[in-house]
Each structure stands twice: as C-alpha cells, then as structure tokens.
Amino acid sequence: MAKKVVATLKKEGGLKIAKVIKAVKNPKTGAYTFKEEIVPEDMVQEVLNK
C-alpha cells in the first residue's frame, strides 16, 4: 500500500515527501525498534526533534 501512496504523491504538482526512519530504544530490554513515517520535506526536522 505504501508504494501506491508514494507514487501518487510524486506526480507533478504534488507534495515533495520524505520517508523518515527513527530508531527508538526500548527502556526495558535495550532493543531498538524502527518507526517509519512519510512526511512532507519541510516537516522532516520537526518529526526528528520529537
């Protein structure tokens, strides 16, 4: 499904988007999990600073 969304947003006149992948550490086990988000390019820094 994600491929379809990305392909739709890449059409001419569409938003420029970026895929943000963050590593989040679990405090109990110390293991890392990865969170993926597709956001507009101008919001990348806001998402990373959360």
PDB file of N, CA and C in Angstrom:
ATOM      1  N   MET A   1       0.821  -1.206   0.000  1.00  0.00           N
ATOM      2  CA  MET A   1       0.000   0.000   0.000  1.00  0.00           C
ATOM      3  C   MET A   1       0.859   1.262   0.000  1.00  0.00           C
ATOM      4  N   ALA A   2       1.938   1.257   0.740  1.00  0.00           N
ATOM      5  CA  ALA A   2       2.768   2.454   0.844  1.00  0.00           C
ATOM      6  C   ALA A   2       3.310   2.868  -0.517  1.00  0.00           C
ATOM      7  N   LYS A   3       3.635   1.898  -1.351  1.00  0.00           N
ATOM      8  CA  LYS A   3       4.163   2.228  -2.665  1.00  0.00           C
ATOM      9  C   LYS A   3       3.144   3.031  -3.468  1.00  0.00           C
ATOM     10  N   LYS A   4       1.878   2.672  -3.343  1.00  0.00           N
ATOM     11  CA  LYS A   4       0.829   3.372  -4.072  1.00  0.00           C
ATOM     12  C   LYS A   4       0.716   4.821  -3.591  1.00  0.00           C
ATOM     13  N   VAL A   5       0.798   5.040  -2.286  1.00  0.00           N
ATOM     14  CA  VAL A   5       0.705   6.385  -1.727  1.00  0.00           C
ATOM     15  C   VAL A   5       1.878   7.222  -2.204  1.00  0.00           C
ATOM     16  N   VAL A   6       3.083   6.675  -2.140  1.00  0.00           N
ATOM     17  CA  VAL A   6       4.271   7.411  -2.559  1.00  0.00           C
ATOM     18  C   VAL A   6       4.193   7.745  -4.038  1.00  0.00           C
ATOM     19  N   ALA A   7       3.771   6.798  -4.855  1.00  0.00           N
ATOM     20  CA  ALA A   7       3.662   7.040  -6.292  1.00  0.00           C
ATOM     21  C   ALA A   7       2.645   8.136  -6.587  1.00  0.00           C
ATOM     22  N   THR A   8       1.558   8.176  -5.850  1.00  0.00           N
ATOM     23  CA  THR A   8       0.536   9.197  -6.055  1.00  0.00           C
ATOM     24  C   THR A   8       1.066  10.578  -5.686  1.00  0.00           C
ATOM     25  N   LEU A   9       1.829  10.674  -4.615  1.00  0.00           N
ATOM     26  CA  LEU A   9       2.333  11.968  -4.169  1.00  0.00           C
ATOM     27  C   LEU A   9       3.486  12.480  -5.023  1.00  0.00           C
ATOM     28  N   LYS A  10       4.104  11.642  -5.828  1.00  0.00           N
ATOM     29  CA  LYS A  10       5.226  12.077  -6.652  1.00  0.00           C
ATOM     30  C   LYS A  10       4.796  12.636  -8.003  1.00  0.00           C
ATOM     31  N   LYS A  11       3.510  12.718  -8.266  1.00  0.00           N
ATOM     32  CA  LYS A  11       3.043  13.289  -9.527  1.00  0.00           C
ATOM     33  C   LYS A  11       3.414  14.766  -9.594  1.00  0.00           C
ATOM     34  N   GLU A  12       3.440  15.306 -10.817  1.00  0.00           N
ATOM     35  CA  GLU A  12       3.753  16.722 -10.981  1.00  0.00           C
ATOM     36  C   GLU A  12       2.773  17.574 -10.189  1.00  0.00           C
ATOM     37  N   GLY A  13       3.299  18.568  -9.493  1.00  0.00           N
ATOM     38  CA  GLY A  13       2.447  19.449  -8.714  1.00  0.00           C
ATOM     39  C   GLY A  13       2.108  18.880  -7.349  1.00  0.00           C
ATOM     40  N   GLY A  14       2.558  17.677  -7.048  1.00  0.00           N
ATOM     41  CA  GLY A  14       2.295  17.057  -5.748  1.00  0.00           C
ATOM     42  C   GLY A  14       3.295  17.525  -4.708  1.00  0.00           C
ATOM     43  N   LEU A  15       3.088  17.100  -3.500  1.00  0.00           N
ATOM     44  CA  LEU A  15       3.997  17.450  -2.414  1.00  0.00           C
ATOM     45  C   LEU A  15       5.321  16.725  -2.570  1.00  0.00           C
ATOM     46  N   LYS A  16       6.400  17.381  -2.136  1.00  0.00           N
ATOM     47  CA  LYS A  16       7.679  16.683  -2.053  1.00  0.00           C
ATOM     48  C   LYS A  16       7.694  16.015  -0.685  1.00  0.00           C
ATOM     49  N   ILE A  17       7.945  14.721  -0.683  1.00  0.00           N
ATOM     50  CA  ILE A  17       7.860  13.976   0.563  1.00  0.00           C
ATOM     51  C   ILE A  17       9.182  13.305   0.884  1.00  0.00           C
ATOM     52  N   ALA A  18       9.315  12.909   2.143  1.00  0.00           N
ATOM     53  CA  ALA A  18      10.496  12.186   2.599  1.00  0.00           C
ATOM     54  C   ALA A  18      10.038  11.072   3.521  1.00  0.00           C
ATOM     55  N   LYS A  19      10.768   9.976   3.490  1.00  0.00           N
ATOM     56  CA  LYS A  19      10.483   8.861   4.386  1.00  0.00           C
ATOM     57  C   LYS A  19      11.470   8.961   5.542  1.00  0.00           C
ATOM     58  N   VAL A  20      10.950   9.125   6.750  1.00  0.00           N
ATOM     59  CA  VAL A  20      11.775   9.281   7.943  1.00  0.00           C
ATOM     60  C   VAL A  20      11.762   7.969   8.716  1.00  0.00           C
ATOM     61  N   ILE A  21      12.951   7.453   9.017  1.00  0.00           N
ATOM     62  CA  ILE A  21      13.079   6.220   9.794  1.00  0.00           C
ATOM     63  C   ILE A  21      13.847   6.562  11.065  1.00  0.00           C
ATOM     64  N   LYS A  22      13.200   6.364  12.215  1.00  0.00           N
ATOM     65  CA  LYS A  22      13.818   6.670  13.503  1.00  0.00           C
ATOM     66  C   LYS A  22      14.058   5.384  14.282  1.00  0.00           C
ATOM     67  N   ALA A  23      15.205   5.287  14.956  1.00  0.00           N
ATOM     68  CA  ALA A  23      15.490   4.165  15.846  1.00  0.00           C
ATOM     69  C   ALA A  23      15.044   4.570  17.247  1.00  0.00           C
ATOM     70  N   VAL A  24      14.187   3.754  17.861  1.00  0.00           N
ATOM     71  CA  VAL A  24      13.661   4.042  19.190  1.00  0.00           C
ATOM     72  C   VAL A  24      14.094   2.920  20.119  1.00  0.00           C
ATOM     73  N   LYS A  25      14.746   3.283  21.229  1.00  0.00           N
ATOM     74  CA  LYS A  25      15.258   2.283  22.166  1.00  0.00           C
ATOM     75  C   LYS A  25      14.197   1.941  23.207  1.00  0.00           C
ATOM     76  N   ASN A  26      13.987   0.640  23.423  1.00  0.00           N
ATOM     77  CA  ASN A  26      13.055   0.158  24.434  1.00  0.00           C
ATOM     78  C   ASN A  26      13.757   0.240  25.789  1.00  0.00           C
ATOM     79  N   PRO A  27      13.194   0.967  26.761  1.00  0.00           N
ATOM     80  CA  PRO A  27      13.871   1.124  28.054  1.00  0.00           C
ATOM     81  C   PRO A  27      13.988  -0.181  28.853  1.00  0.00           C
ATOM     82  N   LYS A  28      13.072  -1.112  28.666  1.00  0.00           N
ATOM     83  CA  LYS A  28      13.115  -2.373  29.415  1.00  0.00           C
ATOM     84  C   LYS A  28      14.197  -3.313  28.900  1.00  0.00           C
ATOM     85  N   THR A  29      14.212  -3.539  27.582  1.00  0.00           N
ATOM     86  CA  THR A  29      15.109  -4.549  27.017  1.00  0.00           C
ATOM     87  C   THR A  29      16.370  -3.960  26.405  1.00  0.00           C
ATOM     88  N   GLY A  30      16.353  -2.692  26.084  1.00  0.00           N
ATOM     89  CA  GLY A  30      17.503  -2.073  25.438  1.00  0.00           C
ATOM     90  C   GLY A  30      17.536  -2.313  23.938  1.00  0.00           C
ATOM     91  N   ALA A  31      16.538  -3.009  23.408  1.00  0.00           N
ATOM     92  CA  ALA A  31      16.483  -3.298  21.974  1.00  0.00           C
ATOM     93  C   ALA A  31      15.953  -2.075  21.224  1.00  0.00           C
ATOM     94  N   TYR A  32      16.383  -1.949  19.992  1.00  0.00           N
ATOM     95  CA  TYR A  32      15.932  -0.849  19.151  1.00  0.00           C
ATOM     96  C   TYR A  32      14.830  -1.321  18.208  1.00  0.00           C
ATOM     97  N   THR A  33      13.829  -0.468  18.020  1.00  0.00           N
ATOM     98  CA  THR A  33      12.807  -0.695  17.001  1.00  0.00           C
ATOM     99  C   THR A  33      12.839   0.507  16.065  1.00  0.00           C
ATOM    100  N   PHE A  34      12.335   0.322  14.875  1.00  0.00           N
ATOM    101  CA  PHE A  34      12.379   1.385  13.882  1.00  0.00           C
ATOM    102  C   PHE A  34      10.973   1.852  13.553  1.00  0.00           C
ATOM    103  N   LYS A  35      10.768   3.160  13.618  1.00  0.00           N
ATOM    104  CA  LYS A  35       9.487   3.781  13.287  1.00  0.00           C
ATOM    105  C   LYS A  35       9.638   4.497  11.953  1.00  0.00           C
ATOM    106  N   GLU A  36       8.751   4.209  11.019  1.00  0.00           N
ATOM    107  CA  GLU A  36       8.798   4.833   9.699  1.00  0.00           C
ATOM    108  C   GLU A  36       7.603   5.761   9.520  1.00  0.00           C
ATOM    109  N   GLU A  37       7.865   6.937   8.967  1.00  0.00           N
ATOM    110  CA  GLU A  37       6.807   7.897   8.669  1.00  0.00           C
ATOM    111  C   GLU A  37       7.086   8.529   7.313  1.00  0.00           C
ATOM    112  N   ILE A  38       6.039   8.823   6.577  1.00  0.00           N
ATOM    113  CA  ILE A  38       6.164   9.568   5.327  1.00  0.00           C
ATOM    114  C   ILE A  38       5.595  10.959   5.594  1.00  0.00           C
ATOM    115  N   VAL A  39       6.460  11.971   5.480  1.00  0.00           N
ATOM    116  CA  VAL A  39       6.072  13.339   5.813  1.00  0.00           C
ATOM    117  C   VAL A  39       6.517  14.281   4.697  1.00  0.00           C
ATOM    118  N   PRO A  40       5.896  15.464   4.606  1.00  0.00           N
ATOM    119  CA  PRO A  40       6.372  16.469   3.651  1.00  0.00           C
ATOM    120  C   PRO A  40       7.801  16.888   4.006  1.00  0.00           C
ATOM    121  N   GLU A  41       8.596  17.241   2.995  1.00  0.00           N
ATOM    122  CA  GLU A  41      10.005  17.566   3.215  1.00  0.00           C
ATOM    123  C   GLU A  41      10.217  18.701   4.210  1.00  0.00           C
ATOM    124  N   ASP A  42       9.319  19.677   4.247  1.00  0.00           N
ATOM    125  CA  ASP A  42       9.515  20.804   5.152  1.00  0.00           C
ATOM    126  C   ASP A  42       9.222  20.458   6.613  1.00  0.00           C
ATOM    127  N   MET A  43       8.654  19.289   6.892  1.00  0.00           N
ATOM    128  CA  MET A  43       8.353  18.883   8.270  1.00  0.00           C
ATOM    129  C   MET A  43       9.336  17.842   8.810  1.00  0.00           C
ATOM    130  N   VAL A  44      10.386  17.507   8.065  1.00  0.00           N
ATOM    131  CA  VAL A  44      11.313  16.452   8.475  1.00  0.00           C
ATOM    132  C   VAL A  44      11.979  16.795   9.804  1.00  0.00           C
ATOM    133  N   GLN A  45      12.487  18.002   9.954  1.00  0.00           N
ATOM    134  CA  GLN A  45      13.170  18.379  11.192  1.00  0.00           C
ATOM    135  C   GLN A  45      12.228  18.353  12.391  1.00  0.00           C
ATOM    136  N   GLU A  46      10.981  18.746  12.200  1.00  0.00           N
ATOM    137  CA  GLU A  46      10.004  18.712  13.291  1.00  0.00           C
ATOM    138  C   GLU A  46       9.772  17.287  13.764  1.00  0.00           C
ATOM    139  N   VAL A  47       9.664  16.355  12.828  1.00  0.00           N
ATOM    140  CA  VAL A  47       9.427  14.952  13.170  1.00  0.00           C
ATOM    141  C   VAL A  47      10.640  14.374  13.890  1.00  0.00           C
ATOM    142  N   LEU A  48      11.842  14.709  13.426  1.00  0.00           N
ATOM    143  CA  LEU A  48      13.053  14.172  14.049  1.00  0.00           C
ATOM    144  C   LEU A  48      13.295  14.750  15.440  1.00  0.00           C
ATOM    145  N   ASN A  49      12.816  15.952  15.701  1.00  0.00           N
ATOM    146  CA  ASN A  49      13.029  16.580  17.006  1.00  0.00           C
ATOM    147  C   ASN A  49      12.023  16.149  18.062  1.00  0.00           C
ATOM    148  N   LYS A  50      11.020  15.348  17.693  1.00  0.00           N
ATOM    149  CA  LYS A  50      10.017  14.882  18.655  1.00  0.00           C
ATOM    150  C   LYS A  50      10.664  14.000  19.695  1.00  0.00           C
TER     151      LYS A  50
END
